[in-house]
Amino acid sequence: MVERSEMTSFEEYLEEFKKEIEKGYKERTMATALAEYIHDRPDKTLIKFYKLDGPLKASGLSTGGQLTAINVTSRSVQPLNAGFTLDLKDWADDPERTYMEMLMHQLGCDLAEREYYIIVNGMLNCVGNTINSAQKGKLSKGDISQAHNWIGAQGVYADSVIMHIDQKVEFEKSGELFYPDKIPLGCVPQEKRGAYYAGWIGAVNVYWNRFTKDYAVVFSGREIVFERAPLKVEFDNMTHPTMLILTKWCAAAPLFDQAVVKIQL
């Protein structure tokens, strides 16, 4: 942050706030970990996603075969705003009184977590199958395998599971979770880990969160599309602001529904 004595306007404060928010966001964003296809858009307009009726399969290509025909349609996906507002009235009355760097960094982290929720929500809006856990309220390795196998039977390789932090802790206690520090970067590169990466269960990447309390999601990250508009950070009033406004529109969906299974706990 710029030294307070050098701050002469709210414009300068805003620029410093933006830098810290973006830094926190970049540290926590899960977009590259969860989605194979990431597209940046200039605005929040209704998004048309391609929808396939199945995976693209090759048949006999070495002998002049062709790709299996699939139907390609589109579906509209309503973008959601991962942003929020922060009351800054007290700060604006005496801006040099309060050191804001840590708070702005945390806002960026919160923004990334809200974006994470939107990606998961986009998957669930297009879920291909829902199964119940074998034991109510508890996720097991067998449940994950069942979902993984169902997706595999549709011609897709499921590589990831998203679960609540409480379920992750249970897997840690049972010794079924293979920790990230034991997984070579050649197997799972850093960009596919992200801030919420917990390791492997079997051959499936595990990502935890704080919002999927009653369910888990098994999916193929290779089939997830994520679209986002640029982050906007602004004051409601540049003369004497009362609110800091963060805006980031984004949307997600699988290329085809069979790539996602919801496990109801």
C-alpha atoms as a PDB file:
ATOM      1  CA  MET A   1       0.000   0.000   0.000  1.00  0.00           C
ATOM      2  CA  VAL A   2       1.088   3.616  -0.579  1.00  0.00           C
ATOM      3  CA  GLU A   3       2.100   5.447   2.602  1.00  0.00           C
ATOM      4  CA  ARG A   4      -0.864   7.277   4.067  1.00  0.00           C
ATOM      5  CA  SER A   5       0.922  10.598   3.981  1.00  0.00           C
ATOM      6  CA  GLU A   6       1.119  10.281   0.198  1.00  0.00           C
ATOM      7  CA  MET A   7      -2.619   9.694  -0.213  1.00  0.00           C
ATOM      8  CA  THR A   8      -4.193  12.870  -1.536  1.00  0.00           C
ATOM      9  CA  SER A   9      -7.468  11.660  -3.051  1.00  0.00           C
ATOM     10  CA  PHE A  10     -10.047   8.895  -2.975  1.00  0.00           C
ATOM     11  CA  GLU A  11      -8.953   8.007  -6.517  1.00  0.00           C
ATOM     12  CA  GLU A  12      -5.562   6.982  -5.152  1.00  0.00           C
ATOM     13  CA  TYR A  13      -7.146   4.982  -2.352  1.00  0.00           C
ATOM     14  CA  LEU A  14      -9.344   3.197  -4.862  1.00  0.00           C
ATOM     15  CA  GLU A  15      -6.387   2.190  -7.016  1.00  0.00           C
ATOM     16  CA  GLU A  16      -4.608   0.728  -3.990  1.00  0.00           C
ATOM     17  CA  PHE A  17      -7.773  -1.086  -2.926  1.00  0.00           C
ATOM     18  CA  LYS A  18      -8.073  -2.624  -6.400  1.00  0.00           C
ATOM     19  CA  LYS A  19      -4.502  -3.939  -6.277  1.00  0.00           C
ATOM     20  CA  GLU A  20      -5.001  -5.661  -2.942  1.00  0.00           C
ATOM     21  CA  ILE A  21      -8.407  -7.100  -3.884  1.00  0.00           C
ATOM     22  CA  GLU A  22      -7.021  -8.512  -7.130  1.00  0.00           C
ATOM     23  CA  LYS A  23      -4.063  -9.985  -5.247  1.00  0.00           C
ATOM     24  CA  GLY A  24      -6.366 -11.793  -2.808  1.00  0.00           C
ATOM     25  CA  TYR A  25      -8.605 -12.967  -5.639  1.00  0.00           C
ATOM     26  CA  LYS A  26      -5.711 -14.408  -7.651  1.00  0.00           C
ATOM     27  CA  GLU A  27      -4.461 -16.310  -4.606  1.00  0.00           C
ATOM     28  CA  ARG A  28      -7.863 -17.963  -4.045  1.00  0.00           C
ATOM     29  CA  THR A  29      -9.603 -18.309  -7.406  1.00  0.00           C
ATOM     30  CA  MET A  30     -10.546 -21.890  -8.281  1.00  0.00           C
ATOM     31  CA  ALA A  31     -11.397 -21.241 -11.925  1.00  0.00           C
ATOM     32  CA  THR A  32      -8.319 -22.854 -13.486  1.00  0.00           C
ATOM     33  CA  ALA A  33      -8.470 -25.790 -11.065  1.00  0.00           C
ATOM     34  CA  LEU A  34     -12.097 -26.694 -11.822  1.00  0.00           C
ATOM     35  CA  ALA A  35     -12.698 -25.664 -15.435  1.00  0.00           C
ATOM     36  CA  GLU A  36     -10.914 -26.660 -18.620  1.00  0.00           C
ATOM     37  CA  TYR A  37     -12.383 -23.885 -20.751  1.00  0.00           C
ATOM     38  CA  ILE A  38     -12.190 -20.330 -19.398  1.00  0.00           C
ATOM     39  CA  HIS A  39     -13.445 -17.419 -21.477  1.00  0.00           C
ATOM     40  CA  ASP A  40     -13.209 -13.738 -20.574  1.00  0.00           C
ATOM     41  CA  ARG A  41     -16.211 -11.634 -21.601  1.00  0.00           C
ATOM     42  CA  PRO A  42     -16.538  -7.837 -21.721  1.00  0.00           C
ATOM     43  CA  ASP A  43     -19.926  -7.729 -19.976  1.00  0.00           C
ATOM     44  CA  LYS A  44     -22.621  -9.687 -18.100  1.00  0.00           C
ATOM     45  CA  THR A  45     -24.992 -10.409 -20.996  1.00  0.00           C
ATOM     46  CA  LEU A  46     -26.919 -13.689 -21.038  1.00  0.00           C
ATOM     47  CA  ILE A  47     -24.479 -16.397 -22.033  1.00  0.00           C
ATOM     48  CA  LYS A  48     -25.119 -19.122 -24.579  1.00  0.00           C
ATOM     49  CA  PHE A  49     -23.197 -22.290 -23.777  1.00  0.00           C
ATOM     50  CA  TYR A  50     -22.686 -25.164 -26.160  1.00  0.00           C
ATOM     51  CA  LYS A  51     -24.435 -28.315 -25.015  1.00  0.00           C
ATOM     52  CA  LEU A  52     -23.464 -31.753 -26.325  1.00  0.00           C
ATOM     53  CA  ASP A  53     -25.532 -34.899 -25.964  1.00  0.00           C
ATOM     54  CA  GLY A  54     -22.430 -36.962 -25.187  1.00  0.00           C
ATOM     55  CA  PRO A  55     -18.648 -37.002 -25.296  1.00  0.00           C
ATOM     56  CA  LEU A  56     -16.742 -36.781 -28.535  1.00  0.00           C
ATOM     57  CA  LYS A  57     -15.524 -40.304 -29.297  1.00  0.00           C
ATOM     58  CA  ALA A  58     -13.044 -41.542 -31.876  1.00  0.00           C
ATOM     59  CA  SER A  59     -13.719 -44.822 -33.672  1.00  0.00           C
ATOM     60  CA  GLY A  60     -11.172 -46.552 -35.894  1.00  0.00           C
ATOM     61  CA  LEU A  61      -9.224 -43.395 -36.697  1.00  0.00           C
ATOM     62  CA  SER A  62      -6.042 -45.359 -37.440  1.00  0.00           C
ATOM     63  CA  THR A  63      -7.881 -47.142 -40.252  1.00  0.00           C
ATOM     64  CA  GLY A  64      -9.634 -44.092 -41.626  1.00  0.00           C
ATOM     65  CA  GLY A  65     -12.518 -44.063 -39.171  1.00  0.00           C
ATOM     66  CA  GLN A  66     -14.434 -40.985 -38.082  1.00  0.00           C
ATOM     67  CA  LEU A  67     -15.483 -39.232 -34.912  1.00  0.00           C
ATOM     68  CA  THR A  68     -18.796 -40.461 -33.571  1.00  0.00           C
ATOM     69  CA  ALA A  69     -21.578 -38.033 -34.455  1.00  0.00           C
ATOM     70  CA  ILE A  70     -23.047 -36.021 -31.575  1.00  0.00           C
ATOM     71  CA  ASN A  71     -25.784 -33.428 -31.391  1.00  0.00           C
ATOM     72  CA  VAL A  72     -24.712 -29.880 -30.590  1.00  0.00           C
ATOM     73  CA  THR A  73     -27.273 -27.453 -29.194  1.00  0.00           C
ATOM     74  CA  SER A  74     -27.047 -24.446 -26.895  1.00  0.00           C
ATOM     75  CA  ARG A  75     -28.477 -23.428 -23.564  1.00  0.00           C
ATOM     76  CA  SER A  76     -28.786 -20.059 -21.914  1.00  0.00           C
ATOM     77  CA  VAL A  77     -26.929 -19.626 -18.638  1.00  0.00           C
ATOM     78  CA  GLN A  78     -27.772 -16.651 -16.451  1.00  0.00           C
ATOM     79  CA  PRO A  79     -24.568 -15.078 -15.125  1.00  0.00           C
ATOM     80  CA  LEU A  80     -24.354 -14.371 -11.397  1.00  0.00           C
ATOM     81  CA  ASN A  81     -22.496 -11.591  -9.661  1.00  0.00           C
ATOM     82  CA  ALA A  82     -19.779 -12.858  -7.336  1.00  0.00           C
ATOM     83  CA  GLY A  83     -19.313  -9.312  -6.085  1.00  0.00           C
ATOM     84  CA  PHE A  84     -20.742  -7.483  -3.089  1.00  0.00           C
ATOM     85  CA  THR A  85     -20.669  -4.094  -1.369  1.00  0.00           C
ATOM     86  CA  LEU A  86     -18.831  -2.908   1.733  1.00  0.00           C
ATOM     87  CA  ASP A  87     -19.984  -0.059   3.974  1.00  0.00           C
ATOM     88  CA  LEU A  88     -17.123   2.449   4.123  1.00  0.00           C
ATOM     89  CA  LYS A  89     -18.868   5.478   5.594  1.00  0.00           C
ATOM     90  CA  ASP A  90     -16.899   5.489   8.846  1.00  0.00           C
ATOM     91  CA  TRP A  91     -13.627   4.972   6.980  1.00  0.00           C
ATOM     92  CA  ALA A  92     -14.347   7.785   4.523  1.00  0.00           C
ATOM     93  CA  ASP A  93     -14.922  10.242   7.366  1.00  0.00           C
ATOM     94  CA  ASP A  94     -11.269   9.841   8.334  1.00  0.00           C
ATOM     95  CA  PRO A  95      -9.484   7.632   5.732  1.00  0.00           C
ATOM     96  CA  GLU A  96      -5.996   7.933   7.215  1.00  0.00           C
ATOM     97  CA  ARG A  97      -7.170   6.567  10.544  1.00  0.00           C
ATOM     98  CA  THR A  98      -7.588   2.951   9.389  1.00  0.00           C
ATOM     99  CA  TYR A  99      -5.059   0.683   7.649  1.00  0.00           C
ATOM    100  CA  MET A 100      -7.040  -1.133   4.939  1.00  0.00           C
ATOM    101  CA  GLU A 101      -4.556  -3.423   3.183  1.00  0.00           C
ATOM    102  CA  MET A 102      -5.463  -6.627   5.057  1.00  0.00           C
ATOM    103  CA  LEU A 103      -9.188  -5.992   4.702  1.00  0.00           C
ATOM    104  CA  MET A 104      -8.917  -5.429   0.939  1.00  0.00           C
ATOM    105  CA  HIS A 105      -6.855  -8.594   0.532  1.00  0.00           C
ATOM    106  CA  GLN A 106      -9.534 -10.551   2.408  1.00  0.00           C
ATOM    107  CA  LEU A 107     -12.244  -9.080   0.176  1.00  0.00           C
ATOM    108  CA  GLY A 108     -10.400 -10.540  -2.803  1.00  0.00           C
ATOM    109  CA  CYS A 109     -10.317 -13.945  -1.098  1.00  0.00           C
ATOM    110  CA  ASP A 110     -14.051 -13.706  -0.350  1.00  0.00           C
ATOM    111  CA  LEU A 111     -14.735 -12.776  -3.966  1.00  0.00           C
ATOM    112  CA  ALA A 112     -12.881 -15.891  -5.148  1.00  0.00           C
ATOM    113  CA  GLU A 113     -14.881 -18.107  -2.797  1.00  0.00           C
ATOM    114  CA  ARG A 114     -18.150 -16.667  -4.072  1.00  0.00           C
ATOM    115  CA  GLU A 115     -16.955 -17.340  -7.619  1.00  0.00           C
ATOM    116  CA  TYR A 116     -16.154 -20.912  -6.534  1.00  0.00           C
ATOM    117  CA  TYR A 117     -19.772 -21.284  -5.398  1.00  0.00           C
ATOM    118  CA  ILE A 118     -21.039 -20.025  -8.765  1.00  0.00           C
ATOM    119  CA  ILE A 119     -18.943 -22.606 -10.623  1.00  0.00           C
ATOM    120  CA  VAL A 120     -20.343 -25.428  -8.472  1.00  0.00           C
ATOM    121  CA  ASN A 121     -23.860 -24.041  -8.798  1.00  0.00           C
ATOM    122  CA  GLY A 122     -23.464 -24.030 -12.581  1.00  0.00           C
ATOM    123  CA  MET A 123     -22.527 -27.710 -12.508  1.00  0.00           C
ATOM    124  CA  LEU A 124     -25.517 -28.600 -10.339  1.00  0.00           C
ATOM    125  CA  ASN A 125     -27.935 -26.756 -12.618  1.00  0.00           C
ATOM    126  CA  CYS A 126     -26.943 -29.243 -15.336  1.00  0.00           C
ATOM    127  CA  VAL A 127     -26.336 -32.365 -13.254  1.00  0.00           C
ATOM    128  CA  GLY A 128     -26.504 -35.623 -15.215  1.00  0.00           C
ATOM    129  CA  ASN A 129     -27.403 -37.886 -12.308  1.00  0.00           C
ATOM    130  CA  THR A 130     -28.122 -37.743  -8.576  1.00  0.00           C
ATOM    131  CA  ILE A 131     -27.345 -40.627  -6.226  1.00  0.00           C
ATOM    132  CA  ASN A 132     -27.816 -40.982  -2.486  1.00  0.00           C
ATOM    133  CA  SER A 133     -24.918 -41.694  -0.170  1.00  0.00           C
ATOM    134  CA  ALA A 134     -24.875 -45.198   1.299  1.00  0.00           C
ATOM    135  CA  GLN A 135     -24.981 -43.696   4.807  1.00  0.00           C
ATOM    136  CA  LYS A 136     -27.146 -40.638   5.359  1.00  0.00           C
ATOM    137  CA  GLY A 137     -25.089 -37.546   6.107  1.00  0.00           C
ATOM    138  CA  LYS A 138     -21.736 -39.221   5.411  1.00  0.00           C
ATOM    139  CA  LEU A 139     -19.724 -39.343   2.205  1.00  0.00           C
ATOM    140  CA  SER A 140     -17.727 -42.526   1.564  1.00  0.00           C
ATOM    141  CA  LYS A 141     -15.087 -43.628  -0.903  1.00  0.00           C
ATOM    142  CA  GLY A 142     -17.674 -46.077  -2.236  1.00  0.00           C
ATOM    143  CA  ASP A 143     -20.096 -43.230  -2.968  1.00  0.00           C
ATOM    144  CA  ILE A 144     -17.402 -41.414  -4.926  1.00  0.00           C
ATOM    145  CA  SER A 145     -16.548 -44.603  -6.823  1.00  0.00           C
ATOM    146  CA  GLN A 146     -20.199 -45.152  -7.703  1.00  0.00           C
ATOM    147  CA  ALA A 147     -20.480 -41.639  -9.140  1.00  0.00           C
ATOM    148  CA  HIS A 148     -17.105 -42.006 -10.877  1.00  0.00           C
ATOM    149  CA  ASN A 149     -18.186 -45.285 -12.481  1.00  0.00           C
ATOM    150  CA  TRP A 150     -21.520 -43.869 -13.647  1.00  0.00           C
ATOM    151  CA  ILE A 151     -19.759 -40.997 -15.400  1.00  0.00           C
ATOM    152  CA  GLY A 152     -17.259 -43.450 -16.887  1.00  0.00           C
ATOM    153  CA  ALA A 153     -20.129 -45.529 -18.282  1.00  0.00           C
ATOM    154  CA  GLN A 154     -21.234 -42.429 -20.200  1.00  0.00           C
ATOM    155  CA  GLY A 155     -17.845 -42.277 -21.900  1.00  0.00           C
ATOM    156  CA  VAL A 156     -16.293 -39.600 -19.688  1.00  0.00           C
ATOM    157  CA  TYR A 157     -13.449 -39.772 -17.166  1.00  0.00           C
ATOM    158  CA  ALA A 158     -14.399 -38.180 -13.855  1.00  0.00           C
ATOM    159  CA  ASP A 159     -11.298 -36.652 -12.291  1.00  0.00           C
ATOM    160  CA  SER A 160     -12.597 -34.583  -9.369  1.00  0.00           C
ATOM    161  CA  VAL A 161     -14.890 -34.419  -6.361  1.00  0.00           C
ATOM    162  CA  ILE A 162     -16.004 -31.342  -4.426  1.00  0.00           C
ATOM    163  CA  MET A 163     -17.016 -31.876  -0.804  1.00  0.00           C
ATOM    164  CA  HIS A 164     -17.726 -29.941   2.365  1.00  0.00           C
ATOM    165  CA  ILE A 165     -14.808 -29.375   4.741  1.00  0.00           C
ATOM    166  CA  ASP A 166     -16.451 -31.616   7.369  1.00  0.00           C
ATOM    167  CA  GLN A 167     -16.430 -34.553   4.927  1.00  0.00           C
ATOM    168  CA  LYS A 168     -12.790 -33.827   4.058  1.00  0.00           C
ATOM    169  CA  VAL A 169     -11.887 -33.990   7.746  1.00  0.00           C
ATOM    170  CA  GLU A 170     -13.603 -37.388   8.042  1.00  0.00           C
ATOM    171  CA  PHE A 171     -11.528 -38.743   5.156  1.00  0.00           C
ATOM    172  CA  GLU A 172      -8.406 -37.408   6.845  1.00  0.00           C
ATOM    173  CA  LYS A 173      -9.323 -39.198  10.065  1.00  0.00           C
ATOM    174  CA  SER A 174      -9.922 -42.485   8.227  1.00  0.00           C
ATOM    175  CA  GLY A 175      -6.592 -42.231   6.398  1.00  0.00           C
ATOM    176  CA  GLU A 176      -8.275 -42.413   2.974  1.00  0.00           C
ATOM    177  CA  LEU A 177      -7.040 -39.025   1.789  1.00  0.00           C
ATOM    178  CA  PHE A 178      -3.705 -38.907  -0.049  1.00  0.00           C
ATOM    179  CA  TYR A 179      -2.233 -35.491   0.780  1.00  0.00           C
ATOM    180  CA  PRO A 180      -1.121 -32.905  -1.831  1.00  0.00           C
ATOM    181  CA  ASP A 181       2.514 -32.841  -0.692  1.00  0.00           C
ATOM    182  CA  LYS A 182       2.823 -36.503  -1.677  1.00  0.00           C
ATOM    183  CA  ILE A 183       1.411 -35.894  -5.185  1.00  0.00           C
ATOM    184  CA  PRO A 184       4.006 -34.827  -7.803  1.00  0.00           C
ATOM    185  CA  LEU A 185       3.293 -31.636  -9.736  1.00  0.00           C
ATOM    186  CA  GLY A 186       3.702 -33.732 -12.868  1.00  0.00           C
ATOM    187  CA  CYS A 187       0.525 -35.586 -11.886  1.00  0.00           C
ATOM    188  CA  VAL A 188      -1.471 -32.600 -10.678  1.00  0.00           C
ATOM    189  CA  PRO A 189       0.076 -29.254 -11.711  1.00  0.00           C
ATOM    190  CA  GLN A 190      -0.235 -26.246  -9.435  1.00  0.00           C
ATOM    191  CA  GLU A 191      -2.897 -24.560 -11.571  1.00  0.00           C
ATOM    192  CA  LYS A 192      -5.133 -27.614 -11.090  1.00  0.00           C
ATOM    193  CA  ARG A 193      -4.796 -27.504  -7.317  1.00  0.00           C
ATOM    194  CA  GLY A 194      -5.828 -24.091  -6.126  1.00  0.00           C
ATOM    195  CA  ALA A 195      -6.401 -22.891  -2.576  1.00  0.00           C
ATOM    196  CA  TYR A 196      -8.989 -25.581  -1.734  1.00  0.00           C
ATOM    197  CA  TYR A 197      -7.139 -28.640  -2.988  1.00  0.00           C
ATOM    198  CA  ALA A 198      -7.022 -31.520  -0.473  1.00  0.00           C
ATOM    199  CA  GLY A 199      -5.333 -34.323  -2.411  1.00  0.00           C
ATOM    200  CA  TRP A 200      -6.545 -37.625  -3.879  1.00  0.00           C
ATOM    201  CA  ILE A 201      -9.123 -40.217  -2.973  1.00  0.00           C
ATOM    202  CA  GLY A 202      -8.318 -43.080  -5.292  1.00  0.00           C
ATOM    203  CA  ALA A 203      -7.480 -41.344  -8.558  1.00  0.00           C
ATOM    204  CA  VAL A 204      -9.916 -38.482  -8.000  1.00  0.00           C
ATOM    205  CA  ASN A 205      -8.833 -34.942  -7.072  1.00  0.00           C
ATOM    206  CA  VAL A 206     -10.471 -33.673  -3.884  1.00  0.00           C
ATOM    207  CA  TYR A 207     -11.536 -30.050  -3.437  1.00  0.00           C
ATOM    208  CA  TRP A 208     -13.150 -28.832  -0.224  1.00  0.00           C
ATOM    209  CA  ASN A 209     -15.432 -25.903   0.509  1.00  0.00           C
ATOM    210  CA  ARG A 210     -17.715 -24.445   3.176  1.00  0.00           C
ATOM    211  CA  PHE A 211     -20.995 -24.378   1.262  1.00  0.00           C
ATOM    212  CA  THR A 212     -21.890 -27.923   0.070  1.00  0.00           C
ATOM    213  CA  LYS A 213     -23.063 -29.138   3.473  1.00  0.00           C
ATOM    214  CA  ASP A 214     -25.620 -31.719   2.268  1.00  0.00           C
ATOM    215  CA  TYR A 215     -24.071 -32.945  -0.963  1.00  0.00           C
ATOM    216  CA  ALA A 216     -20.884 -33.620  -2.904  1.00  0.00           C
ATOM    217  CA  VAL A 217     -20.192 -33.267  -6.629  1.00  0.00           C
ATOM    218  CA  VAL A 218     -18.194 -35.691  -8.767  1.00  0.00           C
ATOM    219  CA  PHE A 219     -17.321 -34.367 -12.214  1.00  0.00           C
ATOM    220  CA  SER A 220     -14.948 -34.237 -15.143  1.00  0.00           C
ATOM    221  CA  GLY A 221     -13.055 -30.954 -15.012  1.00  0.00           C
ATOM    222  CA  ARG A 222     -12.122 -31.452 -18.671  1.00  0.00           C
ATOM    223  CA  GLU A 223     -15.759 -30.813 -19.581  1.00  0.00           C
ATOM    224  CA  ILE A 224     -16.450 -27.686 -17.511  1.00  0.00           C
ATOM    225  CA  VAL A 225     -16.804 -24.261 -19.154  1.00  0.00           C
ATOM    226  CA  PHE A 226     -16.424 -21.040 -17.153  1.00  0.00           C
ATOM    227  CA  GLU A 227     -17.062 -17.532 -18.459  1.00  0.00           C
ATOM    228  CA  ARG A 228     -16.358 -14.319 -16.591  1.00  0.00           C
ATOM    229  CA  ALA A 229     -16.516 -10.569 -17.007  1.00  0.00           C
ATOM    230  CA  PRO A 230     -13.715  -8.329 -15.681  1.00  0.00           C
ATOM    231  CA  LEU A 231     -13.683  -7.397 -12.013  1.00  0.00           C
ATOM    232  CA  LYS A 232     -14.900  -3.872 -11.316  1.00  0.00           C
ATOM    233  CA  VAL A 233     -14.006  -2.104  -8.099  1.00  0.00           C
ATOM    234  CA  GLU A 234     -15.547   1.318  -7.534  1.00  0.00           C
ATOM    235  CA  PHE A 235     -16.804   3.771  -4.939  1.00  0.00           C
ATOM    236  CA  ASP A 236     -20.423   4.875  -4.986  1.00  0.00           C
ATOM    237  CA  ASN A 237     -19.205   8.460  -4.775  1.00  0.00           C
ATOM    238  CA  MET A 238     -15.714   9.693  -5.567  1.00  0.00           C
ATOM    239  CA  THR A 239     -16.165  12.913  -3.562  1.00  0.00           C
ATOM    240  CA  HIS A 240     -17.061  11.238  -0.271  1.00  0.00           C
ATOM    241  CA  PRO A 241     -17.722   7.508  -0.700  1.00  0.00           C
ATOM    242  CA  THR A 242     -19.971   5.494   1.591  1.00  0.00           C
ATOM    243  CA  MET A 243     -19.754   2.142  -0.221  1.00  0.00           C
ATOM    244  CA  LEU A 244     -17.092   0.090  -1.979  1.00  0.00           C
ATOM    245  CA  ILE A 245     -18.727  -1.894  -4.778  1.00  0.00           C
ATOM    246  CA  LEU A 246     -17.222  -5.091  -6.221  1.00  0.00           C
ATOM    247  CA  THR A 247     -18.776  -6.495  -9.386  1.00  0.00           C
ATOM    248  CA  LYS A 248     -17.745  -9.713 -11.139  1.00  0.00           C
ATOM    249  CA  TRP A 249     -20.282 -11.473 -13.356  1.00  0.00           C
ATOM    250  CA  CYS A 250     -19.593 -15.095 -14.194  1.00  0.00           C
ATOM    251  CA  ALA A 251     -21.261 -18.364 -15.214  1.00  0.00           C
ATOM    252  CA  ALA A 252     -20.364 -22.036 -15.531  1.00  0.00           C
ATOM    253  CA  ALA A 253     -21.800 -25.216 -17.019  1.00  0.00           C
ATOM    254  CA  PRO A 254     -20.601 -28.612 -18.232  1.00  0.00           C
ATOM    255  CA  LEU A 255     -20.365 -29.292 -21.952  1.00  0.00           C
ATOM    256  CA  PHE A 256     -22.750 -32.182 -21.354  1.00  0.00           C
ATOM    257  CA  ASP A 257     -24.756 -33.166 -18.322  1.00  0.00           C
ATOM    258  CA  GLN A 258     -23.311 -36.679 -18.057  1.00  0.00           C
ATOM    259  CA  ALA A 259     -20.031 -35.138 -16.848  1.00  0.00           C
ATOM    260  CA  VAL A 260     -21.540 -34.249 -13.451  1.00  0.00           C
ATOM    261  CA  VAL A 261     -23.044 -36.389 -10.672  1.00  0.00           C
ATOM    262  CA  LYS A 262     -24.476 -35.029  -7.419  1.00  0.00           C
ATOM    263  CA  ILE A 263     -24.173 -37.207  -4.312  1.00  0.00           C
ATOM    264  CA  GLN A 264     -26.970 -36.363  -1.889  1.00  0.00           C
ATOM    265  CA  LEU A 265     -25.835 -36.953   1.685  1.00  0.00           C
END
